[in-house]
Amino acid sequence: PAPLARGLFCLSRSVGILAHAWEQT
């Protein structure tokens, strides 16, 4: 369903978010 597409994007982008937050730390 369309609303799950945003949730799946959040899951995907969370990996990059974690990597950048860790690198900045």
mmCIF file of all heavy atoms, coordinates in Angstrom:
data_MODEL
# 
_entry.id   MODEL 
# 
loop_
_atom_site.group_PDB 
_atom_site.id 
_atom_site.type_symbol 
_atom_site.label_atom_id 
_atom_site.label_alt_id 
_atom_site.label_comp_id 
_atom_site.label_asym_id 
_atom_site.label_entity_id 
_atom_site.label_seq_id 
_atom_site.pdbx_PDB_ins_code 
_atom_site.Cartn_x 
_atom_site.Cartn_y 
_atom_site.Cartn_z 
_atom_site.occupancy 
_atom_site.B_iso_or_equiv 
_atom_site.pdbx_formal_charge 
_atom_site.auth_seq_id 
_atom_site.auth_comp_id 
_atom_site.auth_asym_id 
_atom_site.auth_atom_id 
_atom_site.pdbx_PDB_model_num 
ATOM 1   N N   . PRO A 1 1  ? 0.841  -1.199 0.000  1.00 0.00 ? 1  PRO A N   1 
ATOM 2   C CA  . PRO A 1 1  ? 0.000  0.000  0.000  1.00 0.00 ? 1  PRO A CA  1 
ATOM 3   C C   . PRO A 1 1  ? 0.879  1.253  0.000  1.00 0.00 ? 1  PRO A C   1 
ATOM 4   O O   . PRO A 1 1  ? 2.001  1.244  0.524  1.00 0.00 ? 1  PRO A O   1 
ATOM 5   C CB  . PRO A 1 1  ? -0.798 -0.116 1.309  1.00 0.00 ? 1  PRO A CB  1 
ATOM 6   C CG  . PRO A 1 1  ? -0.721 -1.561 1.688  1.00 0.00 ? 1  PRO A CG  1 
ATOM 7   C CD  . PRO A 1 1  ? 0.608  -2.041 1.182  1.00 0.00 ? 1  PRO A CD  1 
ATOM 8   N N   . ALA A 1 2  ? 0.357  2.327  -0.579 1.00 0.00 ? 2  ALA A N   1 
ATOM 9   C CA  . ALA A 1 2  ? 1.153  3.558  -0.709 1.00 0.00 ? 2  ALA A CA  1 
ATOM 10  C C   . ALA A 1 2  ? 1.735  4.050  0.608  1.00 0.00 ? 2  ALA A C   1 
ATOM 11  O O   . ALA A 1 2  ? 2.922  4.405  0.663  1.00 0.00 ? 2  ALA A O   1 
ATOM 12  C CB  . ALA A 1 2  ? 0.311  4.645  -1.377 1.00 0.00 ? 2  ALA A CB  1 
ATOM 13  N N   . PRO A 1 3  ? 0.969  4.104  1.722  1.00 0.00 ? 3  PRO A N   1 
ATOM 14  C CA  . PRO A 1 3  ? 1.562  4.628  2.965  1.00 0.00 ? 3  PRO A CA  1 
ATOM 15  C C   . PRO A 1 3  ? 2.768  3.822  3.445  1.00 0.00 ? 3  PRO A C   1 
ATOM 16  O O   . PRO A 1 3  ? 3.676  4.383  4.074  1.00 0.00 ? 3  PRO A O   1 
ATOM 17  C CB  . PRO A 1 3  ? 0.407  4.541  3.970  1.00 0.00 ? 3  PRO A CB  1 
ATOM 18  C CG  . PRO A 1 3  ? -0.830 4.625  3.131  1.00 0.00 ? 3  PRO A CG  1 
ATOM 19  C CD  . PRO A 1 3  ? -0.481 3.867  1.882  1.00 0.00 ? 3  PRO A CD  1 
ATOM 20  N N   . LEU A 1 4  ? 2.803  2.529  3.145  1.00 0.00 ? 4  LEU A N   1 
ATOM 21  C CA  . LEU A 1 4  ? 3.959  1.741  3.572  1.00 0.00 ? 4  LEU A CA  1 
ATOM 22  C C   . LEU A 1 4  ? 5.221  2.118  2.809  1.00 0.00 ? 4  LEU A C   1 
ATOM 23  O O   . LEU A 1 4  ? 6.333  1.881  3.295  1.00 0.00 ? 4  LEU A O   1 
ATOM 24  C CB  . LEU A 1 4  ? 3.680  0.244  3.400  1.00 0.00 ? 4  LEU A CB  1 
ATOM 25  C CG  . LEU A 1 4  ? 2.984  -0.454 4.571  1.00 0.00 ? 4  LEU A CG  1 
ATOM 26  C CD1 . LEU A 1 4  ? 2.752  -1.921 4.257  1.00 0.00 ? 4  LEU A CD1 1 
ATOM 27  C CD2 . LEU A 1 4  ? 3.797  -0.312 5.856  1.00 0.00 ? 4  LEU A CD2 1 
ATOM 28  N N   . ALA A 1 5  ? 5.066  2.722  1.625  1.00 0.00 ? 5  ALA A N   1 
ATOM 29  C CA  . ALA A 1 5  ? 6.250  3.141  0.867  1.00 0.00 ? 5  ALA A CA  1 
ATOM 30  C C   . ALA A 1 5  ? 7.065  4.148  1.661  1.00 0.00 ? 5  ALA A C   1 
ATOM 31  O O   . ALA A 1 5  ? 8.299  4.121  1.640  1.00 0.00 ? 5  ALA A O   1 
ATOM 32  C CB  . ALA A 1 5  ? 5.838  3.724  -0.482 1.00 0.00 ? 5  ALA A CB  1 
ATOM 33  N N   . ARG A 1 6  ? 6.388  5.047  2.373  1.00 0.00 ? 6  ARG A N   1 
ATOM 34  C CA  . ARG A 1 6  ? 7.123  6.014  3.191  1.00 0.00 ? 6  ARG A CA  1 
ATOM 35  C C   . ARG A 1 6  ? 7.800  5.310  4.365  1.00 0.00 ? 6  ARG A C   1 
ATOM 36  O O   . ARG A 1 6  ? 8.944  5.608  4.701  1.00 0.00 ? 6  ARG A O   1 
ATOM 37  C CB  . ARG A 1 6  ? 6.214  7.118  3.703  1.00 0.00 ? 6  ARG A CB  1 
ATOM 38  C CG  . ARG A 1 6  ? 7.019  8.220  4.400  1.00 0.00 ? 6  ARG A CG  1 
ATOM 39  C CD  . ARG A 1 6  ? 6.179  9.316  4.998  1.00 0.00 ? 6  ARG A CD  1 
ATOM 40  N NE  . ARG A 1 6  ? 5.189  9.856  4.088  1.00 0.00 ? 6  ARG A NE  1 
ATOM 41  C CZ  . ARG A 1 6  ? 4.716  11.100 4.171  1.00 0.00 ? 6  ARG A CZ  1 
ATOM 42  N NH1 . ARG A 1 6  ? 5.171  11.920 5.092  1.00 0.00 ? 6  ARG A NH1 1 
ATOM 43  N NH2 . ARG A 1 6  ? 3.785  11.522 3.345  1.00 0.00 ? 6  ARG A NH2 1 
ATOM 44  N N   . GLY A 1 7  ? 7.103  4.380  4.992  1.00 0.00 ? 7  GLY A N   1 
ATOM 45  C CA  . GLY A 1 7  ? 7.702  3.637  6.091  1.00 0.00 ? 7  GLY A CA  1 
ATOM 46  C C   . GLY A 1 7  ? 8.923  2.856  5.648  1.00 0.00 ? 7  GLY A C   1 
ATOM 47  O O   . GLY A 1 7  ? 9.944  2.805  6.352  1.00 0.00 ? 7  GLY A O   1 
ATOM 48  N N   . LEU A 1 8  ? 8.845  2.245  4.465  1.00 0.00 ? 8  LEU A N   1 
ATOM 49  C CA  . LEU A 1 8  ? 9.983  1.500  3.944  1.00 0.00 ? 8  LEU A CA  1 
ATOM 50  C C   . LEU A 1 8  ? 11.151 2.432  3.636  1.00 0.00 ? 8  LEU A C   1 
ATOM 51  O O   . LEU A 1 8  ? 12.309 2.083  3.874  1.00 0.00 ? 8  LEU A O   1 
ATOM 52  C CB  . LEU A 1 8  ? 9.565  0.726  2.694  1.00 0.00 ? 8  LEU A CB  1 
ATOM 53  C CG  . LEU A 1 8  ? 8.570  -0.409 2.939  1.00 0.00 ? 8  LEU A CG  1 
ATOM 54  C CD1 . LEU A 1 8  ? 8.028  -0.951 1.622  1.00 0.00 ? 8  LEU A CD1 1 
ATOM 55  C CD2 . LEU A 1 8  ? 9.192  -1.533 3.758  1.00 0.00 ? 8  LEU A CD2 1 
ATOM 56  N N   . PHE A 1 9  ? 10.850 3.622  3.116  1.00 0.00 ? 9  PHE A N   1 
ATOM 57  C CA  . PHE A 1 9  ? 11.919 4.600  2.891  1.00 0.00 ? 9  PHE A CA  1 
ATOM 58  C C   . PHE A 1 9  ? 12.572 4.994  4.211  1.00 0.00 ? 9  PHE A C   1 
ATOM 59  O O   . PHE A 1 9  ? 13.799 5.142  4.289  1.00 0.00 ? 9  PHE A O   1 
ATOM 60  C CB  . PHE A 1 9  ? 11.374 5.843  2.178  1.00 0.00 ? 9  PHE A CB  1 
ATOM 61  C CG  . PHE A 1 9  ? 12.424 6.906  1.993  1.00 0.00 ? 9  PHE A CG  1 
ATOM 62  C CD1 . PHE A 1 9  ? 13.404 6.776  1.028  1.00 0.00 ? 9  PHE A CD1 1 
ATOM 63  C CD2 . PHE A 1 9  ? 12.460 8.029  2.808  1.00 0.00 ? 9  PHE A CD2 1 
ATOM 64  C CE1 . PHE A 1 9  ? 14.390 7.748  0.860  1.00 0.00 ? 9  PHE A CE1 1 
ATOM 65  C CE2 . PHE A 1 9  ? 13.423 8.997  2.658  1.00 0.00 ? 9  PHE A CE2 1 
ATOM 66  C CZ  . PHE A 1 9  ? 14.396 8.859  1.678  1.00 0.00 ? 9  PHE A CZ  1 
ATOM 67  N N   . CYS A 1 10 ? 11.760 5.182  5.248  1.00 0.00 ? 10 CYS A N   1 
ATOM 68  C CA  . CYS A 1 10 ? 12.324 5.524  6.562  1.00 0.00 ? 10 CYS A CA  1 
ATOM 69  C C   . CYS A 1 10 ? 13.271 4.429  7.035  1.00 0.00 ? 10 CYS A C   1 
ATOM 70  O O   . CYS A 1 10 ? 14.351 4.715  7.580  1.00 0.00 ? 10 CYS A O   1 
ATOM 71  C CB  . CYS A 1 10 ? 11.208 5.730  7.580  1.00 0.00 ? 10 CYS A CB  1 
ATOM 72  S SG  . CYS A 1 10 ? 10.252 7.242  7.351  1.00 0.00 ? 10 CYS A SG  1 
ATOM 73  N N   . LEU A 1 11 ? 12.893 3.168  6.839  1.00 0.00 ? 11 LEU A N   1 
ATOM 74  C CA  . LEU A 1 11 ? 13.766 2.063  7.228  1.00 0.00 ? 11 LEU A CA  1 
ATOM 75  C C   . LEU A 1 11 ? 15.080 2.119  6.448  1.00 0.00 ? 11 LEU A C   1 
ATOM 76  O O   . LEU A 1 11 ? 16.165 1.957  7.018  1.00 0.00 ? 11 LEU A O   1 
ATOM 77  C CB  . LEU A 1 11 ? 13.075 0.729  6.969  1.00 0.00 ? 11 LEU A CB  1 
ATOM 78  C CG  . LEU A 1 11 ? 11.964 0.320  7.926  1.00 0.00 ? 11 LEU A CG  1 
ATOM 79  C CD1 . LEU A 1 11 ? 11.304 -0.965 7.439  1.00 0.00 ? 11 LEU A CD1 1 
ATOM 80  C CD2 . LEU A 1 11 ? 12.501 0.126  9.333  1.00 0.00 ? 11 LEU A CD2 1 
ATOM 81  N N   . SER A 1 12 ? 14.971 2.331  5.149  1.00 0.00 ? 12 SER A N   1 
ATOM 82  C CA  . SER A 1 12 ? 16.155 2.387  4.304  1.00 0.00 ? 12 SER A CA  1 
ATOM 83  C C   . SER A 1 12 ? 17.059 3.544  4.693  1.00 0.00 ? 12 SER A C   1 
ATOM 84  O O   . SER A 1 12 ? 18.255 3.367  4.963  1.00 0.00 ? 12 SER A O   1 
ATOM 85  C CB  . SER A 1 12 ? 15.722 2.519  2.843  1.00 0.00 ? 12 SER A CB  1 
ATOM 86  O OG  . SER A 1 12 ? 16.826 2.760  1.999  1.00 0.00 ? 12 SER A OG  1 
ATOM 87  N N   . ARG A 1 13 ? 16.521 4.742  4.750  1.00 0.00 ? 13 ARG A N   1 
ATOM 88  C CA  . ARG A 1 13 ? 17.323 5.929  5.024  1.00 0.00 ? 13 ARG A CA  1 
ATOM 89  C C   . ARG A 1 13 ? 17.898 5.908  6.435  1.00 0.00 ? 13 ARG A C   1 
ATOM 90  O O   . ARG A 1 13 ? 18.923 6.546  6.699  1.00 0.00 ? 13 ARG A O   1 
ATOM 91  C CB  . ARG A 1 13 ? 16.481 7.186  4.778  1.00 0.00 ? 13 ARG A CB  1 
ATOM 92  C CG  . ARG A 1 13 ? 17.206 8.514  4.943  1.00 0.00 ? 13 ARG A CG  1 
ATOM 93  C CD  . ARG A 1 13 ? 18.507 8.617  4.170  1.00 0.00 ? 13 ARG A CD  1 
ATOM 94  N NE  . ARG A 1 13 ? 18.377 8.433  2.742  1.00 0.00 ? 13 ARG A NE  1 
ATOM 95  C CZ  . ARG A 1 13 ? 18.137 9.398  1.868  1.00 0.00 ? 13 ARG A CZ  1 
ATOM 96  N NH1 . ARG A 1 13 ? 17.972 10.647 2.287  1.00 0.00 ? 13 ARG A NH1 1 
ATOM 97  N NH2 . ARG A 1 13 ? 18.074 9.133  0.578  1.00 0.00 ? 13 ARG A NH2 1 
ATOM 98  N N   . SER A 1 14 ? 17.264 5.173  7.355  1.00 0.00 ? 14 SER A N   1 
ATOM 99  C CA  . SER A 1 14 ? 17.791 5.086  8.722  1.00 0.00 ? 14 SER A CA  1 
ATOM 100 C C   . SER A 1 14 ? 19.199 4.510  8.751  1.00 0.00 ? 14 SER A C   1 
ATOM 101 O O   . SER A 1 14 ? 19.985 4.833  9.645  1.00 0.00 ? 14 SER A O   1 
ATOM 102 C CB  . SER A 1 14 ? 16.863 4.233  9.592  1.00 0.00 ? 14 SER A CB  1 
ATOM 103 O OG  . SER A 1 14 ? 15.653 4.907  9.843  1.00 0.00 ? 14 SER A OG  1 
ATOM 104 N N   . VAL A 1 15 ? 19.520 3.672  7.786  1.00 0.00 ? 15 VAL A N   1 
ATOM 105 C CA  . VAL A 1 15 ? 20.875 3.107  7.731  1.00 0.00 ? 15 VAL A CA  1 
ATOM 106 C C   . VAL A 1 15 ? 21.891 4.214  7.449  1.00 0.00 ? 15 VAL A C   1 
ATOM 107 O O   . VAL A 1 15 ? 22.926 4.323  8.115  1.00 0.00 ? 15 VAL A O   1 
ATOM 108 C CB  . VAL A 1 15 ? 20.956 2.001  6.659  1.00 0.00 ? 15 VAL A CB  1 
ATOM 109 C CG1 . VAL A 1 15 ? 22.375 1.441  6.584  1.00 0.00 ? 15 VAL A CG1 1 
ATOM 110 C CG2 . VAL A 1 15 ? 19.963 0.891  6.960  1.00 0.00 ? 15 VAL A CG2 1 
ATOM 111 N N   . GLY A 1 16 ? 21.612 5.052  6.460  1.00 0.00 ? 16 GLY A N   1 
ATOM 112 C CA  . GLY A 1 16 ? 22.496 6.181  6.173  1.00 0.00 ? 16 GLY A CA  1 
ATOM 113 C C   . GLY A 1 16 ? 22.541 7.171  7.312  1.00 0.00 ? 16 GLY A C   1 
ATOM 114 O O   . GLY A 1 16 ? 23.594 7.729  7.634  1.00 0.00 ? 16 GLY A O   1 
ATOM 115 N N   . ILE A 1 17 ? 21.383 7.404  7.925  1.00 0.00 ? 17 ILE A N   1 
ATOM 116 C CA  . ILE A 1 17 ? 21.318 8.313  9.074  1.00 0.00 ? 17 ILE A CA  1 
ATOM 117 C C   . ILE A 1 17 ? 22.219 7.818  10.198 1.00 0.00 ? 17 ILE A C   1 
ATOM 118 O O   . ILE A 1 17 ? 22.979 8.585  10.794 1.00 0.00 ? 17 ILE A O   1 
ATOM 119 C CB  . ILE A 1 17 ? 19.852 8.448  9.543  1.00 0.00 ? 17 ILE A CB  1 
ATOM 120 C CG1 . ILE A 1 17 ? 19.052 9.283  8.528  1.00 0.00 ? 17 ILE A CG1 1 
ATOM 121 C CG2 . ILE A 1 17 ? 19.780 9.060  10.936 1.00 0.00 ? 17 ILE A CG2 1 
ATOM 122 C CD1 . ILE A 1 17 ? 17.561 9.240  8.756  1.00 0.00 ? 17 ILE A CD1 1 
ATOM 123 N N   . LEU A 1 18 ? 22.143 6.534  10.492 1.00 0.00 ? 18 LEU A N   1 
ATOM 124 C CA  . LEU A 1 18 ? 22.991 5.949  11.547 1.00 0.00 ? 18 LEU A CA  1 
ATOM 125 C C   . LEU A 1 18 ? 24.465 6.101  11.192 1.00 0.00 ? 18 LEU A C   1 
ATOM 126 O O   . LEU A 1 18 ? 25.285 6.500  12.029 1.00 0.00 ? 18 LEU A O   1 
ATOM 127 C CB  . LEU A 1 18 ? 22.641 4.476  11.738 1.00 0.00 ? 18 LEU A CB  1 
ATOM 128 C CG  . LEU A 1 18 ? 23.553 3.677  12.665 1.00 0.00 ? 18 LEU A CG  1 
ATOM 129 C CD1 . LEU A 1 18 ? 23.541 4.246  14.076 1.00 0.00 ? 18 LEU A CD1 1 
ATOM 130 C CD2 . LEU A 1 18 ? 23.152 2.200  12.668 1.00 0.00 ? 18 LEU A CD2 1 
ATOM 131 N N   . ALA A 1 19 ? 24.817 5.808  9.948  1.00 0.00 ? 19 ALA A N   1 
ATOM 132 C CA  . ALA A 1 19 ? 26.223 5.878  9.535  1.00 0.00 ? 19 ALA A CA  1 
ATOM 133 C C   . ALA A 1 19 ? 26.767 7.301  9.681  1.00 0.00 ? 19 ALA A C   1 
ATOM 134 O O   . ALA A 1 19 ? 27.881 7.505  10.186 1.00 0.00 ? 19 ALA A O   1 
ATOM 135 C CB  . ALA A 1 19 ? 26.358 5.399  8.088  1.00 0.00 ? 19 ALA A CB  1 
ATOM 136 N N   . HIS A 1 20 ? 26.000 8.291  9.245  1.00 0.00 ? 20 HIS A N   1 
ATOM 137 C CA  . HIS A 1 20 ? 26.465 9.677  9.318  1.00 0.00 ? 20 HIS A CA  1 
ATOM 138 C C   . HIS A 1 20 ? 26.504 10.190 10.757 1.00 0.00 ? 20 HIS A C   1 
ATOM 139 O O   . HIS A 1 20 ? 27.415 10.928 11.130 1.00 0.00 ? 20 HIS A O   1 
ATOM 140 C CB  . HIS A 1 20 ? 25.584 10.573 8.448  1.00 0.00 ? 20 HIS A CB  1 
ATOM 141 C CG  . HIS A 1 20 ? 25.930 10.511 6.999  1.00 0.00 ? 20 HIS A CG  1 
ATOM 142 N ND1 . HIS A 1 20 ? 26.909 11.298 6.428  1.00 0.00 ? 20 HIS A ND1 1 
ATOM 143 C CD2 . HIS A 1 20 ? 25.437 9.735  5.999  1.00 0.00 ? 20 HIS A CD2 1 
ATOM 144 C CE1 . HIS A 1 20 ? 27.001 11.014 5.137  1.00 0.00 ? 20 HIS A CE1 1 
ATOM 145 N NE2 . HIS A 1 20 ? 26.113 10.080 4.846  1.00 0.00 ? 20 HIS A NE2 1 
ATOM 146 N N   . ALA A 1 21 ? 25.512 9.806  11.548 1.00 0.00 ? 21 ALA A N   1 
ATOM 147 C CA  . ALA A 1 21 ? 25.524 10.225 12.955 1.00 0.00 ? 21 ALA A CA  1 
ATOM 148 C C   . ALA A 1 21 ? 26.738 9.636  13.668 1.00 0.00 ? 21 ALA A C   1 
ATOM 149 O O   . ALA A 1 21 ? 27.400 10.316 14.464 1.00 0.00 ? 21 ALA A O   1 
ATOM 150 C CB  . ALA A 1 21 ? 24.228 9.796  13.641 1.00 0.00 ? 21 ALA A CB  1 
ATOM 151 N N   . TRP A 1 22 ? 27.041 8.396  13.371 1.00 0.00 ? 22 TRP A N   1 
ATOM 152 C CA  . TRP A 1 22 ? 28.200 7.746  13.999 1.00 0.00 ? 22 TRP A CA  1 
ATOM 153 C C   . TRP A 1 22 ? 29.499 8.379  13.526 1.00 0.00 ? 22 TRP A C   1 
ATOM 154 O O   . TRP A 1 22 ? 30.394 8.652  14.320 1.00 0.00 ? 22 TRP A O   1 
ATOM 155 C CB  . TRP A 1 22 ? 28.189 6.253  13.692 1.00 0.00 ? 22 TRP A CB  1 
ATOM 156 C CG  . TRP A 1 22 ? 29.363 5.508  14.235 1.00 0.00 ? 22 TRP A CG  1 
ATOM 157 C CD1 . TRP A 1 22 ? 30.311 4.837  13.541 1.00 0.00 ? 22 TRP A CD1 1 
ATOM 158 C CD2 . TRP A 1 22 ? 29.725 5.350  15.626 1.00 0.00 ? 22 TRP A CD2 1 
ATOM 159 N NE1 . TRP A 1 22 ? 31.237 4.270  14.379 1.00 0.00 ? 22 TRP A NE1 1 
ATOM 160 C CE2 . TRP A 1 22 ? 30.903 4.572  15.668 1.00 0.00 ? 22 TRP A CE2 1 
ATOM 161 C CE3 . TRP A 1 22 ? 29.162 5.798  16.819 1.00 0.00 ? 22 TRP A CE3 1 
ATOM 162 C CZ2 . TRP A 1 22 ? 31.533 4.234  16.866 1.00 0.00 ? 22 TRP A CZ2 1 
ATOM 163 C CZ3 . TRP A 1 22 ? 29.803 5.453  18.016 1.00 0.00 ? 22 TRP A CZ3 1 
ATOM 164 C CH2 . TRP A 1 22 ? 30.968 4.676  18.031 1.00 0.00 ? 22 TRP A CH2 1 
ATOM 165 N N   . GLU A 1 23 ? 29.608 8.633  12.205 1.00 0.00 ? 23 GLU A N   1 
ATOM 166 C CA  . GLU A 1 23 ? 30.824 9.264  11.691 1.00 0.00 ? 23 GLU A CA  1 
ATOM 167 C C   . GLU A 1 23 ? 31.038 10.636 12.321 1.00 0.00 ? 23 GLU A C   1 
ATOM 168 O O   . GLU A 1 23 ? 32.156 10.977 12.721 1.00 0.00 ? 23 GLU A O   1 
ATOM 169 C CB  . GLU A 1 23 ? 30.743 9.401  10.175 1.00 0.00 ? 23 GLU A CB  1 
ATOM 170 C CG  . GLU A 1 23 ? 32.005 10.033 9.579  1.00 0.00 ? 23 GLU A CG  1 
ATOM 171 C CD  . GLU A 1 23 ? 31.910 10.212 8.082  1.00 0.00 ? 23 GLU A CD  1 
ATOM 172 O OE1 . GLU A 1 23 ? 31.042 11.003 7.635  1.00 0.00 ? 23 GLU A OE1 1 
ATOM 173 O OE2 . GLU A 1 23 ? 32.702 9.585  7.364  1.00 0.00 ? 23 GLU A OE2 1 
ATOM 174 N N   . GLN A 1 24 ? 29.956 11.424 12.423 1.00 0.00 ? 24 GLN A N   1 
ATOM 175 C CA  . GLN A 1 24 ? 30.081 12.747 13.016 1.00 0.00 ? 24 GLN A CA  1 
ATOM 176 C C   . GLN A 1 24 ? 30.486 12.656 14.480 1.00 0.00 ? 24 GLN A C   1 
ATOM 177 O O   . GLN A 1 24 ? 31.284 13.470 14.972 1.00 0.00 ? 24 GLN A O   1 
ATOM 178 C CB  . GLN A 1 24 ? 28.769 13.519 12.884 1.00 0.00 ? 24 GLN A CB  1 
ATOM 179 C CG  . GLN A 1 24 ? 28.874 14.975 13.291 1.00 0.00 ? 24 GLN A CG  1 
ATOM 180 C CD  . GLN A 1 24 ? 29.812 15.770 12.409 1.00 0.00 ? 24 GLN A CD  1 
ATOM 181 O OE1 . GLN A 1 24 ? 29.616 15.866 11.208 1.00 0.00 ? 24 GLN A OE1 1 
ATOM 182 N NE2 . GLN A 1 24 ? 30.860 16.336 13.007 1.00 0.00 ? 24 GLN A NE2 1 
ATOM 183 N N   . THR A 1 25 ? 29.952 11.666 15.179 1.00 0.00 ? 25 THR A N   1 
ATOM 184 C CA  . THR A 1 25 ? 30.331 11.460 16.579 1.00 0.00 ? 25 THR A CA  1 
ATOM 185 C C   . THR A 1 25 ? 31.822 11.181 16.697 1.00 0.00 ? 25 THR A C   1 
ATOM 186 O O   . THR A 1 25 ? 32.509 11.699 17.602 1.00 0.00 ? 25 THR A O   1 
ATOM 187 C CB  . THR A 1 25 ? 29.530 10.293 17.185 1.00 0.00 ? 25 THR A CB  1 
ATOM 188 O OG1 . THR A 1 25 ? 28.133 10.600 17.104 1.00 0.00 ? 25 THR A OG1 1 
ATOM 189 C CG2 . THR A 1 25 ? 29.907 10.052 18.628 1.00 0.00 ? 25 THR A CG2 1 
# 
